[in-house]
Amino acid sequence: MTQLRAVDIAHRFGRRVVLRSVTLNCVAGECAVLYGANGSGKSTLLSLLATRLRIQQGHCHIDDLDIKIHGEAARKRTLFIGHHSHLYGHLSPLENLIFFRDIYQLDVGREELIEAIAKVGLAPFIHQPVRWFSAGMKKRLSLARILAGRPAVLLLDEPYSALDHEGVRWLNGVIDTFQKQGGLVVLASHDPERVAALNHTPWRLDGGVLQPVGETQ
């Protein structure tokens, strides 16, 4: 059973302290939702868990992997989707997912990638350059990586941005299925209404300190 354990994580940018002794434990089937004001450190924490930033203090394990030491192995078990789509505008949806598959050396066939594109509602545009896509379409294609990549841990930074009502409902369905299949989710959001449909545990980052919602220092 997949487990993520972050203990005493602290981080600063220059003199600015962003995270102070943050501890977070999640197991398979759970969804931890991080709330907090802009600049509270939500994106920084997710970037640390995704090994996009190096941990300065504390440690984090995904199962028995210390992500500070075994970053490459940890990344193969983790999918991070942030504010930037990391899509190539001159490539089609299918070509983008093939590139994603090859970079991460995923055992996913072409037909499975086509199916993932269809499930996010982009089948009619499968061979069109992504540069012409709307922000919502690009977001859907980014999220298709969840279906194509089969990660154990899903890290989502403001995943509802650029999604319409139908897109939000679709994403919540994907996350719900992912949890029921044993996936682990850590999600940053500022929109409790959109998250409400999920079976989740709410946390709040304030002053660099992470606490379960409802608790006080």
Protein backbone atom coordinates (compact mmCIF):
# COMPACT_ATOMS: atom_id res chain seq x y z
CA MET A 1 0.00 0.00 0.00
CA THR A 2 1.47 3.31 -1.10
CA GLN A 3 2.42 5.77 1.64
CA LEU A 4 3.81 9.30 1.53
CA ARG A 5 5.55 10.58 4.66
CA ALA A 6 6.94 14.11 4.81
CA VAL A 7 8.51 14.99 8.16
CA ASP A 8 9.76 18.34 9.47
CA ILE A 9 10.00 19.91 6.01
CA ALA A 10 11.34 23.47 6.10
CA HIS A 11 12.16 25.68 3.15
CA ARG A 12 13.26 29.21 2.48
CA PHE A 13 13.98 31.40 -0.50
CA GLY A 14 16.85 33.59 0.59
CA ARG A 15 15.80 35.13 3.89
CA ARG A 16 12.12 34.41 3.34
CA VAL A 17 10.95 31.35 5.24
CA VAL A 18 8.14 29.62 3.34
CA LEU A 19 7.67 26.34 5.22
CA ARG A 20 8.30 25.64 8.90
CA SER A 21 8.58 22.04 10.13
CA VAL A 22 5.78 20.72 7.90
CA THR A 23 4.71 17.12 8.48
CA LEU A 24 2.22 15.29 6.26
CA ASN A 25 1.35 11.59 6.17
CA CYS A 26 -0.94 10.06 3.54
CA VAL A 27 -1.72 6.50 2.53
CA ALA A 28 -3.25 4.86 -0.52
CA GLY A 29 -6.84 5.90 -1.11
CA GLU A 30 -6.48 9.24 0.66
CA CYS A 31 -6.73 12.75 -0.75
CA ALA A 32 -5.10 15.53 1.26
CA VAL A 33 -6.27 18.99 0.20
CA LEU A 34 -4.03 21.95 0.99
CA TYR A 35 -5.72 25.30 1.51
CA GLY A 36 -4.02 28.63 2.11
CA ALA A 37 -3.65 32.15 0.82
CA ASN A 38 -1.54 32.97 -2.22
CA GLY A 39 2.10 32.76 -1.19
CA SER A 40 1.36 30.48 1.76
CA GLY A 41 3.66 27.75 0.44
CA LYS A 42 1.22 25.29 -1.14
CA SER A 43 3.01 25.23 -4.49
CA THR A 44 6.40 25.07 -2.78
CA LEU A 45 5.36 22.04 -0.73
CA LEU A 46 4.02 20.24 -3.80
CA SER A 47 7.20 21.07 -5.73
CA LEU A 48 9.28 19.57 -2.91
CA LEU A 49 7.16 16.41 -2.84
CA ALA A 50 7.52 16.16 -6.62
CA THR A 51 11.34 16.63 -6.38
CA ARG A 52 11.10 19.79 -8.49
CA LEU A 53 12.77 21.59 -5.59
CA ARG A 54 15.42 20.03 -3.39
CA ILE A 55 14.52 19.50 0.25
CA GLN A 56 16.60 21.80 2.44
CA GLN A 57 15.50 20.45 5.80
CA GLY A 58 13.54 17.39 6.85
CA HIS A 59 12.85 14.31 4.76
CA CYS A 60 10.16 12.71 2.63
CA HIS A 61 9.58 9.08 1.70
CA ILE A 62 7.32 7.48 -0.86
CA ASP A 63 7.06 3.98 0.56
CA ASP A 64 10.70 3.07 1.25
CA LEU A 65 12.18 5.63 -1.16
CA ASP A 66 13.84 8.70 0.31
CA ILE A 67 13.01 11.16 -2.46
CA LYS A 68 16.07 13.28 -1.64
CA ILE A 69 18.32 10.32 -2.44
CA HIS A 70 16.22 8.36 -4.92
CA GLY A 71 14.61 11.21 -6.82
CA GLU A 72 14.47 9.48 -10.20
CA ALA A 73 12.81 6.37 -8.78
CA ALA A 74 10.34 8.53 -6.85
CA ARG A 75 9.44 10.50 -9.98
CA LYS A 76 8.49 7.30 -11.76
CA ARG A 77 5.83 6.72 -9.09
CA THR A 78 4.61 10.30 -9.00
CA LEU A 79 2.72 12.58 -11.36
CA PHE A 80 2.86 16.33 -10.74
CA ILE A 81 0.51 18.66 -12.60
CA GLY A 82 1.02 22.33 -11.83
CA HIS A 83 0.14 25.74 -13.21
CA HIS A 84 2.11 25.19 -16.41
CA SER A 85 0.81 22.65 -18.90
CA HIS A 86 4.26 21.54 -20.09
CA LEU A 87 2.70 20.77 -23.45
CA TYR A 88 4.44 21.33 -26.76
CA GLY A 89 2.33 23.62 -28.95
CA HIS A 90 3.56 22.24 -32.25
CA LEU A 91 2.63 18.68 -31.24
CA SER A 92 -0.81 17.09 -31.28
CA PRO A 93 -2.45 15.64 -28.14
CA LEU A 94 -1.36 12.15 -29.15
CA GLU A 95 2.20 13.26 -29.86
CA ASN A 96 2.36 15.07 -26.51
CA LEU A 97 1.27 11.95 -24.63
CA ILE A 98 3.69 9.76 -26.60
CA PHE A 99 6.48 12.16 -25.63
CA PHE A 100 5.33 12.03 -21.98
CA ARG A 101 5.24 8.22 -22.09
CA ASP A 102 8.70 7.94 -23.59
CA ILE A 103 10.31 10.45 -21.20
CA TYR A 104 8.99 8.54 -18.18
CA GLN A 105 9.53 5.15 -19.81
CA LEU A 106 5.94 4.10 -19.20
CA ASP A 107 4.61 0.75 -20.35
CA VAL A 108 1.59 2.26 -22.09
CA GLY A 109 0.50 1.41 -25.62
CA ARG A 110 -0.64 3.80 -28.33
CA GLU A 111 -4.26 2.64 -28.05
CA GLU A 112 -4.28 3.40 -24.33
CA LEU A 113 -3.06 6.92 -25.04
CA ILE A 114 -5.79 7.38 -27.63
CA GLU A 115 -8.33 6.14 -25.07
CA ALA A 116 -7.04 8.63 -22.48
CA ILE A 117 -7.46 11.48 -24.98
CA ALA A 118 -11.01 10.34 -25.72
CA LYS A 119 -11.86 10.20 -22.02
CA VAL A 120 -10.91 13.87 -21.58
CA GLY A 121 -13.14 14.82 -24.51
CA LEU A 122 -10.41 15.66 -27.01
CA ALA A 123 -10.85 12.83 -29.52
CA PRO A 124 -12.01 15.20 -32.31
CA PHE A 125 -8.78 17.17 -31.91
CA ILE A 126 -6.36 14.28 -31.50
CA HIS A 127 -4.17 15.26 -34.47
CA GLN A 128 -4.40 19.07 -34.19
CA PRO A 129 -1.52 21.20 -32.85
CA VAL A 130 -2.03 22.03 -29.18
CA ARG A 131 -1.07 25.67 -29.78
CA TRP A 132 -4.61 26.32 -31.03
CA PHE A 133 -6.26 24.86 -27.94
CA SER A 134 -8.11 26.94 -25.35
CA ALA A 135 -6.82 27.03 -21.77
CA GLY A 136 -9.50 24.55 -20.75
CA MET A 137 -8.56 22.11 -23.50
CA LYS A 138 -4.88 22.31 -22.53
CA LYS A 139 -5.83 21.65 -18.91
CA ARG A 140 -7.81 18.57 -19.95
CA LEU A 141 -4.88 17.27 -21.99
CA SER A 142 -2.52 17.82 -19.06
CA LEU A 143 -4.91 15.86 -16.86
CA ALA A 144 -5.03 13.04 -19.42
CA ARG A 145 -1.61 12.12 -18.07
CA ILE A 146 -3.38 10.81 -14.97
CA LEU A 147 -5.13 8.23 -17.13
CA ALA A 148 -2.08 7.47 -19.26
CA GLY A 149 0.61 7.45 -16.58
CA ARG A 150 -0.90 5.23 -13.88
CA PRO A 151 1.04 6.93 -11.07
CA ALA A 152 0.89 5.79 -7.45
CA VAL A 153 0.98 9.38 -6.15
CA LEU A 154 -0.82 12.32 -7.74
CA LEU A 155 0.27 15.88 -6.90
CA LEU A 156 -2.09 18.55 -8.25
CA ASP A 157 -1.53 22.30 -7.95
CA GLU A 158 -4.79 24.22 -8.50
CA PRO A 159 -6.12 21.58 -10.92
CA TYR A 160 -9.53 23.23 -11.30
CA SER A 161 -8.21 26.38 -12.95
CA ALA A 162 -9.50 26.89 -16.52
CA LEU A 163 -12.06 24.08 -16.13
CA ASP A 164 -15.76 24.71 -16.67
CA HIS A 165 -18.48 23.06 -14.57
CA GLU A 166 -18.43 19.90 -16.67
CA GLY A 167 -14.64 19.78 -16.49
CA VAL A 168 -14.72 20.06 -12.70
CA ARG A 169 -17.20 17.21 -12.45
CA TRP A 170 -15.09 15.10 -14.80
CA LEU A 171 -11.89 15.78 -12.82
CA ASN A 172 -13.54 14.93 -9.50
CA GLY A 173 -14.68 11.67 -11.06
CA VAL A 174 -11.14 10.87 -12.20
CA ILE A 175 -9.72 11.64 -8.75
CA ASP A 176 -12.43 9.58 -7.04
CA THR A 177 -11.70 6.58 -9.27
CA PHE A 178 -7.96 7.04 -8.74
CA GLN A 179 -8.46 6.94 -4.95
CA LYS A 180 -10.71 3.87 -5.10
CA GLN A 181 -8.03 2.08 -7.13
CA GLY A 182 -5.48 2.73 -4.38
CA GLY A 183 -4.00 6.02 -5.56
CA LEU A 184 -2.78 8.72 -3.19
CA VAL A 185 -3.56 12.39 -3.88
CA VAL A 186 -2.18 15.66 -2.53
CA LEU A 187 -4.05 18.62 -4.00
CA ALA A 188 -3.65 22.37 -3.52
CA SER A 189 -6.75 24.49 -4.01
CA HIS A 190 -8.36 27.77 -2.99
CA ASP A 191 -11.85 26.59 -3.94
CA PRO A 192 -13.57 24.46 -1.24
CA GLU A 193 -16.79 24.26 -3.26
CA ARG A 194 -15.13 22.42 -6.13
CA VAL A 195 -13.26 20.10 -3.79
CA ALA A 196 -16.36 19.34 -1.69
CA ALA A 197 -17.40 16.40 -3.89
CA LEU A 198 -14.16 14.57 -3.07
CA ASN A 199 -13.57 12.25 -0.13
CA HIS A 200 -10.70 14.26 1.33
CA THR A 201 -8.86 15.51 4.40
CA PRO A 202 -8.50 19.32 4.52
CA TRP A 203 -5.27 20.98 5.65
CA ARG A 204 -4.35 24.64 5.92
CA LEU A 205 -0.98 26.30 5.38
CA ASP A 206 -0.58 29.56 7.27
CA GLY A 207 2.66 31.25 8.21
CA GLY A 208 4.57 28.27 6.87
CA VAL A 209 2.80 25.90 9.28
CA LEU A 210 0.58 23.04 8.09
CA GLN A 211 -2.35 21.98 10.27
CA PRO A 212 -5.52 19.95 9.83
CA VAL A 213 -8.47 22.26 9.27
CA GLY A 214 -10.26 22.82 12.57
CA GLU A 215 -7.15 22.63 14.73
CA THR A 216 -5.30 25.64 16.14
CA GLN A 217 -1.76 26.09 17.32
